[in-house]
Amino acid sequence: LGCIGTNMLREALGGDVAALDADFGPKSMLLLAVATSIDAL
């Protein structure tokens, strides 16, 4: 939990704004859903 939380804080405080992607198709959403749920694993 400390590592996950620290990583989230580091990303937030780094100020990087992710590239904006207007694609709501299954391939794009699947990749994004997996990427954002690794912490949940």
PDB file of all heavy atoms in Angstrom:
ATOM      1  N   LEU A   1       0.833  -1.208   0.000  1.00  0.00           N
ATOM      2  CA  LEU A   1       0.000   0.000   0.000  1.00  0.00           C
ATOM      3  C   LEU A   1       0.868   1.259   0.000  1.00  0.00           C
ATOM      4  O   LEU A   1       0.533   2.244  -0.665  1.00  0.00           O
ATOM      5  CB  LEU A   1      -0.942  -0.010   1.204  1.00  0.00           C
ATOM      6  CG  LEU A   1      -2.064  -1.041   1.146  1.00  0.00           C
ATOM      7  CD1 LEU A   1      -2.827  -1.080   2.456  1.00  0.00           C
ATOM      8  CD2 LEU A   1      -2.999  -0.761  -0.003  1.00  0.00           C
ATOM      9  N   GLY A   2       1.975   1.229   0.726  1.00  0.00           N
ATOM     10  CA  GLY A   2       2.886   2.377   0.739  1.00  0.00           C
ATOM     11  C   GLY A   2       3.484   2.646  -0.634  1.00  0.00           C
ATOM     12  O   GLY A   2       3.555   3.796  -1.081  1.00  0.00           O
ATOM     13  N   CYS A   3       3.899   1.590  -1.312  1.00  0.00           N
ATOM     14  CA  CYS A   3       4.481   1.754  -2.654  1.00  0.00           C
ATOM     15  C   CYS A   3       3.447   2.247  -3.662  1.00  0.00           C
ATOM     16  O   CYS A   3       3.729   3.141  -4.470  1.00  0.00           O
ATOM     17  CB  CYS A   3       5.085   0.437  -3.137  1.00  0.00           C
ATOM     18  SG  CYS A   3       6.601  -0.015  -2.296  1.00  0.00           S
ATOM     19  N   ILE A   4       2.258   1.656  -3.624  1.00  0.00           N
ATOM     20  CA  ILE A   4       1.201   2.091  -4.537  1.00  0.00           C
ATOM     21  C   ILE A   4       0.867   3.560  -4.283  1.00  0.00           C
ATOM     22  O   ILE A   4       0.780   4.374  -5.206  1.00  0.00           O
ATOM     23  CB  ILE A   4      -0.060   1.217  -4.372  1.00  0.00           C
ATOM     24  CG1 ILE A   4       0.215  -0.227  -4.811  1.00  0.00           C
ATOM     25  CG2 ILE A   4      -1.228   1.798  -5.174  1.00  0.00           C
ATOM     26  CD1 ILE A   4      -0.868  -1.213  -4.388  1.00  0.00           C
ATOM     27  N   GLY A   5       0.678   3.908  -3.000  1.00  0.00           N
ATOM     28  CA  GLY A   5       0.340   5.289  -2.643  1.00  0.00           C
ATOM     29  C   GLY A   5       1.443   6.266  -2.996  1.00  0.00           C
ATOM     30  O   GLY A   5       1.177   7.355  -3.522  1.00  0.00           O
ATOM     31  N   THR A   6       2.690   5.884  -2.725  1.00  0.00           N
ATOM     32  CA  THR A   6       3.826   6.753  -3.040  1.00  0.00           C
ATOM     33  C   THR A   6       3.931   6.975  -4.543  1.00  0.00           C
ATOM     34  O   THR A   6       4.191   8.101  -4.999  1.00  0.00           O
ATOM     35  CB  THR A   6       5.130   6.148  -2.492  1.00  0.00           C
ATOM     36  OG1 THR A   6       5.005   6.009  -1.071  1.00  0.00           O
ATOM     37  CG2 THR A   6       6.332   7.010  -2.820  1.00  0.00           C
ATOM     38  N   ASN A   7       3.715   5.917  -5.315  1.00  0.00           N
ATOM     39  CA  ASN A   7       3.759   6.051  -6.768  1.00  0.00           C
ATOM     40  C   ASN A   7       2.664   7.002  -7.269  1.00  0.00           C
ATOM     41  O   ASN A   7       2.909   7.841  -8.136  1.00  0.00           O
ATOM     42  CB  ASN A   7       3.623   4.683  -7.432  1.00  0.00           C
ATOM     43  CG  ASN A   7       3.834   4.758  -8.927  1.00  0.00           C
ATOM     44  OD1 ASN A   7       4.804   5.336  -9.392  1.00  0.00           O
ATOM     45  ND2 ASN A   7       2.919   4.185  -9.676  1.00  0.00           N
ATOM     46  N   MET A   8       1.478   6.888  -6.685  1.00  0.00           N
ATOM     47  CA  MET A   8       0.394   7.789  -7.072  1.00  0.00           C
ATOM     48  C   MET A   8       0.734   9.232  -6.705  1.00  0.00           C
ATOM     49  O   MET A   8       0.489  10.148  -7.488  1.00  0.00           O
ATOM     50  CB  MET A   8      -0.917   7.358  -6.410  1.00  0.00           C
ATOM     51  CG  MET A   8      -1.511   6.094  -6.997  1.00  0.00           C
ATOM     52  SD  MET A   8      -2.983   5.525  -6.122  1.00  0.00           S
ATOM     53  CE  MET A   8      -4.178   6.754  -6.666  1.00  0.00           C
ATOM     54  N   LEU A   9       1.315   9.437  -5.521  1.00  0.00           N
ATOM     55  CA  LEU A   9       1.717  10.793  -5.119  1.00  0.00           C
ATOM     56  C   LEU A   9       2.802  11.344  -6.044  1.00  0.00           C
ATOM     57  O   LEU A   9       2.750  12.501  -6.453  1.00  0.00           O
ATOM     58  CB  LEU A   9       2.232  10.789  -3.675  1.00  0.00           C
ATOM     59  CG  LEU A   9       1.185  10.782  -2.589  1.00  0.00           C
ATOM     60  CD1 LEU A   9       1.841  10.590  -1.228  1.00  0.00           C
ATOM     61  CD2 LEU A   9       0.373  12.065  -2.601  1.00  0.00           C
ATOM     62  N   ARG A  10       3.773  10.501  -6.378  1.00  0.00           N
ATOM     63  CA  ARG A  10       4.866  10.927  -7.258  1.00  0.00           C
ATOM     64  C   ARG A  10       4.326  11.356  -8.618  1.00  0.00           C
ATOM     65  O   ARG A  10       4.705  12.402  -9.155  1.00  0.00           O
ATOM     66  CB  ARG A  10       5.883   9.796  -7.429  1.00  0.00           C
ATOM     67  CG  ARG A  10       7.099  10.163  -8.256  1.00  0.00           C
ATOM     68  CD  ARG A  10       8.068   9.005  -8.424  1.00  0.00           C
ATOM     69  NE  ARG A  10       7.467   7.761  -8.825  1.00  0.00           N
ATOM     70  CZ  ARG A  10       7.066   7.456 -10.064  1.00  0.00           C
ATOM     71  NH1 ARG A  10       7.192   8.345 -11.030  1.00  0.00           N
ATOM     72  NH2 ARG A  10       6.529   6.296 -10.348  1.00  0.00           N
ATOM     73  N   GLU A  11       3.411  10.561  -9.167  1.00  0.00           N
ATOM     74  CA  GLU A  11       2.811  10.911 -10.456  1.00  0.00           C
ATOM     75  C   GLU A  11       2.011  12.206 -10.362  1.00  0.00           C
ATOM     76  O   GLU A  11       2.067  13.046 -11.252  1.00  0.00           O
ATOM     77  CB  GLU A  11       1.905   9.775 -10.943  1.00  0.00           C
ATOM     78  CG  GLU A  11       2.656   8.556 -11.413  1.00  0.00           C
ATOM     79  CD  GLU A  11       1.727   7.418 -11.809  1.00  0.00           C
ATOM     80  OE1 GLU A  11       0.491   7.617 -11.850  1.00  0.00           O
ATOM     81  OE2 GLU A  11       2.238   6.323 -12.077  1.00  0.00           O
ATOM     82  N   ALA A  12       1.281  12.356  -9.266  1.00  0.00           N
ATOM     83  CA  ALA A  12       0.441  13.558  -9.103  1.00  0.00           C
ATOM     84  C   ALA A  12       1.286  14.803  -8.927  1.00  0.00           C
ATOM     85  O   ALA A  12       0.995  15.848  -9.501  1.00  0.00           O
ATOM     86  CB  ALA A  12      -0.492  13.386  -7.912  1.00  0.00           C
ATOM     87  N   LEU A  13       2.338  14.704  -8.134  1.00  0.00           N
ATOM     88  CA  LEU A  13       3.165  15.873  -7.851  1.00  0.00           C
ATOM     89  C   LEU A  13       4.137  16.188  -8.977  1.00  0.00           C
ATOM     90  O   LEU A  13       4.653  17.294  -9.050  1.00  0.00           O
ATOM     91  CB  LEU A  13       3.915  15.675  -6.535  1.00  0.00           C
ATOM     92  CG  LEU A  13       3.002  15.525  -5.308  1.00  0.00           C
ATOM     93  CD1 LEU A  13       3.829  15.215  -4.063  1.00  0.00           C
ATOM     94  CD2 LEU A  13       2.141  16.750  -5.107  1.00  0.00           C
ATOM     95  N   GLY A  14       4.341  15.189  -9.869  1.00  0.00           N
ATOM     96  CA  GLY A  14       5.210  15.417 -11.020  1.00  0.00           C
ATOM     97  C   GLY A  14       4.589  16.365 -12.018  1.00  0.00           C
ATOM     98  O   GLY A  14       5.275  16.955 -12.841  1.00  0.00           O
ATOM     99  N   GLY A  15       3.284  16.524 -11.948  1.00  0.00           N
ATOM    100  CA  GLY A  15       2.594  17.487 -12.795  1.00  0.00           C
ATOM    101  C   GLY A  15       2.422  17.058 -14.233  1.00  0.00           C
ATOM    102  O   GLY A  15       1.927  17.817 -15.045  1.00  0.00           O
ATOM    103  N   ASP A  16       2.826  15.831 -14.570  1.00  0.00           N
ATOM    104  CA  ASP A  16       2.654  15.383 -15.949  1.00  0.00           C
ATOM    105  C   ASP A  16       1.179  15.186 -16.241  1.00  0.00           C
ATOM    106  O   ASP A  16       0.459  14.564 -15.476  1.00  0.00           O
ATOM    107  CB  ASP A  16       3.370  14.043 -16.181  1.00  0.00           C
ATOM    108  CG  ASP A  16       4.873  14.176 -16.046  1.00  0.00           C
ATOM    109  OD1 ASP A  16       5.380  15.293 -16.232  1.00  0.00           O
ATOM    110  OD2 ASP A  16       5.534  13.160 -15.751  1.00  0.00           O
ATOM    111  N   VAL A  17       0.743  15.713 -17.337  1.00  0.00           N
ATOM    112  CA  VAL A  17      -0.626  15.483 -17.783  1.00  0.00           C
ATOM    113  C   VAL A  17      -0.560  14.461 -18.906  1.00  0.00           C
ATOM    114  O   VAL A  17       0.176  14.631 -19.873  1.00  0.00           O
ATOM    115  CB  VAL A  17      -1.291  16.789 -18.275  1.00  0.00           C
ATOM    116  CG1 VAL A  17      -2.674  16.523 -18.806  1.00  0.00           C
ATOM    117  CG2 VAL A  17      -1.329  17.811 -17.152  1.00  0.00           C
ATOM    118  N   ALA A  18      -1.294  13.380 -18.734  1.00  0.00           N
ATOM    119  CA  ALA A  18      -1.277  12.315 -19.729  1.00  0.00           C
ATOM    120  C   ALA A  18      -1.767  12.853 -21.074  1.00  0.00           C
ATOM    121  O   ALA A  18      -2.571  13.772 -21.143  1.00  0.00           O
ATOM    122  CB  ALA A  18      -2.166  11.170 -19.269  1.00  0.00           C
ATOM    123  N   ALA A  19      -1.262  12.231 -22.126  1.00  0.00           N
ATOM    124  CA  ALA A  19      -1.721  12.608 -23.458  1.00  0.00           C
ATOM    125  C   ALA A  19      -3.214  12.335 -23.558  1.00  0.00           C
ATOM    126  O   ALA A  19      -3.697  11.307 -23.114  1.00  0.00           O
ATOM    127  CB  ALA A  19      -0.959  11.799 -24.513  1.00  0.00           C
ATOM    128  N   LEU A  20      -3.928  13.275 -24.114  1.00  0.00           N
ATOM    129  CA  LEU A  20      -5.372  13.150 -24.200  1.00  0.00           C
ATOM    130  C   LEU A  20      -5.740  12.255 -25.374  1.00  0.00           C
ATOM    131  O   LEU A  20      -5.280  12.456 -26.487  1.00  0.00           O
ATOM    132  CB  LEU A  20      -6.006  14.530 -24.349  1.00  0.00           C
ATOM    133  CG  LEU A  20      -5.731  15.498 -23.204  1.00  0.00           C
ATOM    134  CD1 LEU A  20      -6.406  16.829 -23.475  1.00  0.00           C
ATOM    135  CD2 LEU A  20      -6.184  14.929 -21.878  1.00  0.00           C
ATOM    136  N   ASP A  21      -6.575  11.266 -25.096  1.00  0.00           N
ATOM    137  CA  ASP A  21      -6.964  10.279 -26.095  1.00  0.00           C
ATOM    138  C   ASP A  21      -8.480  10.223 -26.133  1.00  0.00           C
ATOM    139  O   ASP A  21      -9.123   9.856 -25.156  1.00  0.00           O
ATOM    140  CB  ASP A  21      -6.373   8.919 -25.705  1.00  0.00           C
ATOM    141  CG  ASP A  21      -6.752   7.816 -26.660  1.00  0.00           C
ATOM    142  OD1 ASP A  21      -7.367   8.086 -27.709  1.00  0.00           O
ATOM    143  OD2 ASP A  21      -6.432   6.654 -26.343  1.00  0.00           O
ATOM    144  N   ALA A  22      -9.059  10.589 -27.259  1.00  0.00           N
ATOM    145  CA  ALA A  22     -10.511  10.648 -27.386  1.00  0.00           C
ATOM    146  C   ALA A  22     -11.118   9.313 -27.807  1.00  0.00           C
ATOM    147  O   ALA A  22     -12.320   9.226 -28.011  1.00  0.00           O
ATOM    148  CB  ALA A  22     -10.890  11.734 -28.402  1.00  0.00           C
ATOM    149  N   ASP A  23     -10.312   8.256 -27.919  1.00  0.00           N
ATOM    150  CA  ASP A  23     -10.794   6.953 -28.364  1.00  0.00           C
ATOM    151  C   ASP A  23     -11.464   6.208 -27.204  1.00  0.00           C
ATOM    152  O   ASP A  23     -10.835   5.921 -26.187  1.00  0.00           O
ATOM    153  CB  ASP A  23      -9.620   6.137 -28.915  1.00  0.00           C
ATOM    154  CG  ASP A  23     -10.044   4.811 -29.506  1.00  0.00           C
ATOM    155  OD1 ASP A  23     -11.266   4.536 -29.581  1.00  0.00           O
ATOM    156  OD2 ASP A  23      -9.150   4.041 -29.888  1.00  0.00           O
ATOM    157  N   PHE A  24     -12.748   5.909 -27.360  1.00  0.00           N
ATOM    158  CA  PHE A  24     -13.502   5.140 -26.366  1.00  0.00           C
ATOM    159  C   PHE A  24     -13.755   3.722 -26.855  1.00  0.00           C
ATOM    160  O   PHE A  24     -14.587   3.014 -26.300  1.00  0.00           O
ATOM    161  CB  PHE A  24     -14.845   5.827 -26.057  1.00  0.00           C
ATOM    162  CG  PHE A  24     -14.714   7.006 -25.134  1.00  0.00           C
ATOM    163  CD1 PHE A  24     -14.295   8.233 -25.604  1.00  0.00           C
ATOM    164  CD2 PHE A  24     -15.017   6.876 -23.782  1.00  0.00           C
ATOM    165  CE1 PHE A  24     -14.179   9.322 -24.760  1.00  0.00           C
ATOM    166  CE2 PHE A  24     -14.906   7.960 -22.923  1.00  0.00           C
ATOM    167  CZ  PHE A  24     -14.483   9.185 -23.413  1.00  0.00           C
ATOM    168  N   GLY A  25     -13.031   3.293 -27.895  1.00  0.00           N
ATOM    169  CA  GLY A  25     -13.195   1.950 -28.442  1.00  0.00           C
ATOM    170  C   GLY A  25     -12.673   0.882 -27.487  1.00  0.00           C
ATOM    171  O   GLY A  25     -11.907   1.170 -26.567  1.00  0.00           O
ATOM    172  N   PRO A  26     -13.077  -0.370 -27.722  1.00  0.00           N
ATOM    173  CA  PRO A  26     -12.699  -1.452 -26.813  1.00  0.00           C
ATOM    174  C   PRO A  26     -11.192  -1.622 -26.621  1.00  0.00           C
ATOM    175  O   PRO A  26     -10.740  -1.838 -25.494  1.00  0.00           O
ATOM    176  CB  PRO A  26     -13.299  -2.699 -27.467  1.00  0.00           C
ATOM    177  CG  PRO A  26     -14.428  -2.195 -28.303  1.00  0.00           C
ATOM    178  CD  PRO A  26     -14.005  -0.825 -28.754  1.00  0.00           C
ATOM    179  N   LYS A  27     -10.410  -1.522 -27.680  1.00  0.00           N
ATOM    180  CA  LYS A  27      -8.960  -1.721 -27.543  1.00  0.00           C
ATOM    181  C   LYS A  27      -8.344  -0.638 -26.659  1.00  0.00           C
ATOM    182  O   LYS A  27      -7.566  -0.930 -25.743  1.00  0.00           O
ATOM    183  CB  LYS A  27      -8.298  -1.722 -28.926  1.00  0.00           C
ATOM    184  CG  LYS A  27      -6.817  -1.984 -28.854  1.00  0.00           C
ATOM    185  CD  LYS A  27      -6.187  -2.022 -30.242  1.00  0.00           C
ATOM    186  CE  LYS A  27      -4.691  -2.233 -30.137  1.00  0.00           C
ATOM    187  NZ  LYS A  27      -4.043  -2.189 -31.436  1.00  0.00           N
ATOM    188  N   SER A  28      -8.699   0.598 -26.910  1.00  0.00           N
ATOM    189  CA  SER A  28      -8.169   1.712 -26.122  1.00  0.00           C
ATOM    190  C   SER A  28      -8.604   1.616 -24.660  1.00  0.00           C
ATOM    191  O   SER A  28      -7.806   1.788 -23.739  1.00  0.00           O
ATOM    192  CB  SER A  28      -8.632   3.041 -26.721  1.00  0.00           C
ATOM    193  OG  SER A  28      -8.228   4.119 -25.919  1.00  0.00           O
ATOM    194  N   MET A  29      -9.877   1.329 -24.443  1.00  0.00           N
ATOM    195  CA  MET A  29     -10.404   1.261 -23.079  1.00  0.00           C
ATOM    196  C   MET A  29      -9.845   0.052 -22.327  1.00  0.00           C
ATOM    197  O   MET A  29      -9.569   0.135 -21.130  1.00  0.00           O
ATOM    198  CB  MET A  29     -11.931   1.239 -23.088  1.00  0.00           C
ATOM    199  CG  MET A  29     -12.561   2.546 -23.569  1.00  0.00           C
ATOM    200  SD  MET A  29     -12.059   4.016 -22.631  1.00  0.00           S
ATOM    201  CE  MET A  29     -12.841   3.682 -21.059  1.00  0.00           C
ATOM    202  N   LEU A  30      -9.668  -1.075 -23.023  1.00  0.00           N
ATOM    203  CA  LEU A  30      -9.105  -2.263 -22.391  1.00  0.00           C
ATOM    204  C   LEU A  30      -7.690  -1.981 -21.882  1.00  0.00           C
ATOM    205  O   LEU A  30      -7.366  -2.282 -20.730  1.00  0.00           O
ATOM    206  CB  LEU A  30      -9.092  -3.443 -23.368  1.00  0.00           C
ATOM    207  CG  LEU A  30      -8.381  -4.708 -22.868  1.00  0.00           C
ATOM    208  CD1 LEU A  30      -9.140  -5.318 -21.696  1.00  0.00           C
ATOM    209  CD2 LEU A  30      -8.240  -5.719 -23.996  1.00  0.00           C
ATOM    210  N   LEU A  31      -6.873  -1.400 -22.739  1.00  0.00           N
ATOM    211  CA  LEU A  31      -5.494  -1.099 -22.331  1.00  0.00           C
ATOM    212  C   LEU A  31      -5.466  -0.137 -21.150  1.00  0.00           C
ATOM    213  O   LEU A  31      -4.700  -0.327 -20.195  1.00  0.00           O
ATOM    214  CB  LEU A  31      -4.707  -0.524 -23.513  1.00  0.00           C
ATOM    215  CG  LEU A  31      -4.421  -1.487 -24.652  1.00  0.00           C
ATOM    216  CD1 LEU A  31      -3.781  -0.752 -25.825  1.00  0.00           C
ATOM    217  CD2 LEU A  31      -3.531  -2.625 -24.186  1.00  0.00           C
ATOM    218  N   LEU A  32      -6.288   0.872 -21.188  1.00  0.00           N
ATOM    219  CA  LEU A  32      -6.331   1.853 -20.106  1.00  0.00           C
ATOM    220  C   LEU A  32      -6.888   1.237 -18.822  1.00  0.00           C
ATOM    221  O   LEU A  32      -6.384   1.496 -17.726  1.00  0.00           O
ATOM    222  CB  LEU A  32      -7.167   3.061 -20.542  1.00  0.00           C
ATOM    223  CG  LEU A  32      -6.986   4.346 -19.770  1.00  0.00           C
ATOM    224  CD1 LEU A  32      -5.523   4.764 -19.668  1.00  0.00           C
ATOM    225  CD2 LEU A  32      -7.794   5.447 -20.430  1.00  0.00           C
ATOM    226  N   ALA A  33      -7.899   0.386 -18.949  1.00  0.00           N
ATOM    227  CA  ALA A  33      -8.485  -0.263 -17.767  1.00  0.00           C
ATOM    228  C   ALA A  33      -7.482  -1.198 -17.101  1.00  0.00           C
ATOM    229  O   ALA A  33      -7.368  -1.224 -15.869  1.00  0.00           O
ATOM    230  CB  ALA A  33      -9.750  -1.027 -18.161  1.00  0.00           C
ATOM    231  N   VAL A  34      -6.727  -1.942 -17.891  1.00  0.00           N
ATOM    232  CA  VAL A  34      -5.695  -2.819 -17.320  1.00  0.00           C
ATOM    233  C   VAL A  34      -4.607  -1.982 -16.656  1.00  0.00           C
ATOM    234  O   VAL A  34      -4.190  -2.258 -15.525  1.00  0.00           O
ATOM    235  CB  VAL A  34      -5.104  -3.756 -18.397  1.00  0.00           C
ATOM    236  CG1 VAL A  34      -3.875  -4.485 -17.874  1.00  0.00           C
ATOM    237  CG2 VAL A  34      -6.155  -4.761 -18.862  1.00  0.00           C
ATOM    238  N   ALA A  35      -4.156  -0.952 -17.341  1.00  0.00           N
ATOM    239  CA  ALA A  35      -3.079  -0.114 -16.798  1.00  0.00           C
ATOM    240  C   ALA A  35      -3.464   0.545 -15.477  1.00  0.00           C
ATOM    241  O   ALA A  35      -2.653   0.626 -14.564  1.00  0.00           O
ATOM    242  CB  ALA A  35      -2.685   0.951 -17.819  1.00  0.00           C
ATOM    243  N   THR A  36      -4.704   1.004 -15.375  1.00  0.00           N
ATOM    244  CA  THR A  36      -5.110   1.685 -14.138  1.00  0.00           C
ATOM    245  C   THR A  36      -5.486   0.714 -13.033  1.00  0.00           C
ATOM    246  O   THR A  36      -5.665   1.132 -11.888  1.00  0.00           O
ATOM    247  CB  THR A  36      -6.300   2.641 -14.395  1.00  0.00           C
ATOM    248  OG1 THR A  36      -7.393   1.901 -14.935  1.00  0.00           O
ATOM    249  CG2 THR A  36      -5.903   3.778 -15.320  1.00  0.00           C
ATOM    250  N   SER A  37      -5.597  -0.580 -13.330  1.00  0.00           N
ATOM    251  CA  SER A  37      -6.004  -1.538 -12.299  1.00  0.00           C
ATOM    252  C   SER A  37      -4.865  -2.429 -11.808  1.00  0.00           C
ATOM    253  O   SER A  37      -5.091  -3.323 -10.990  1.00  0.00           O
ATOM    254  CB  SER A  37      -7.160  -2.395 -12.804  1.00  0.00           C
ATOM    255  OG  SER A  37      -6.761  -3.184 -13.895  1.00  0.00           O
ATOM    256  N   ILE A  38      -3.650  -2.204 -12.252  1.00  0.00           N
ATOM    257  CA  ILE A  38      -2.513  -2.988 -11.769  1.00  0.00           C
ATOM    258  C   ILE A  38      -2.367  -2.819 -10.255  1.00  0.00           C
ATOM    259  O   ILE A  38      -2.079  -3.778  -9.534  1.00  0.00           O
ATOM    260  CB  ILE A  38      -1.212  -2.591 -12.504  1.00  0.00           C
ATOM    261  CG1 ILE A  38      -1.314  -2.931 -13.990  1.00  0.00           C
ATOM    262  CG2 ILE A  38      -0.006  -3.245 -11.871  1.00  0.00           C
ATOM    263  CD1 ILE A  38      -1.519  -4.380 -14.316  1.00  0.00           C
ATOM    264  N   ASP A  39      -2.578  -1.608  -9.760  1.00  0.00           N
ATOM    265  CA  ASP A  39      -2.515  -1.371  -8.316  1.00  0.00           C
ATOM    266  C   ASP A  39      -3.542  -2.223  -7.579  1.00  0.00           C
ATOM    267  O   ASP A  39      -3.286  -2.712  -6.480  1.00  0.00           O
ATOM    268  CB  ASP A  39      -2.789   0.102  -7.998  1.00  0.00           C
ATOM    269  CG  ASP A  39      -1.711   1.028  -8.522  1.00  0.00           C
ATOM    270  OD1 ASP A  39      -0.661   0.537  -8.977  1.00  0.00           O
ATOM    271  OD2 ASP A  39      -1.923   2.248  -8.477  1.00  0.00           O
ATOM    272  N   ALA A  40      -4.697  -2.421  -8.181  1.00  0.00           N
ATOM    273  CA  ALA A  40      -5.746  -3.223  -7.560  1.00  0.00           C
ATOM    274  C   ALA A  40      -5.340  -4.696  -7.481  1.00  0.00           C
ATOM    275  O   ALA A  40      -5.737  -5.397  -6.547  1.00  0.00           O
ATOM    276  CB  ALA A  40      -7.058  -3.062  -8.324  1.00  0.00           C
ATOM    277  N   LEU A  41      -4.538  -5.163  -8.426  1.00  0.00           N
ATOM    278  CA  LEU A  41      -4.011  -6.524  -8.367  1.00  0.00           C
ATOM    279  C   LEU A  41      -3.134  -6.688  -7.132  1.00  0.00           C
ATOM    280  O   LEU A  41      -3.275  -7.652  -6.373  1.00  0.00           O
ATOM    281  CB  LEU A  41      -3.221  -6.841  -9.638  1.00  0.00           C
ATOM    282  CG  LEU A  41      -2.608  -8.229  -9.725  1.00  0.00           C
ATOM    283  CD1 LEU A  41      -3.692  -9.276  -9.939  1.00  0.00           C
ATOM    284  CD2 LEU A  41      -1.610  -8.285 -10.874  1.00  0.00           C
TER     285      LEU A  41
END
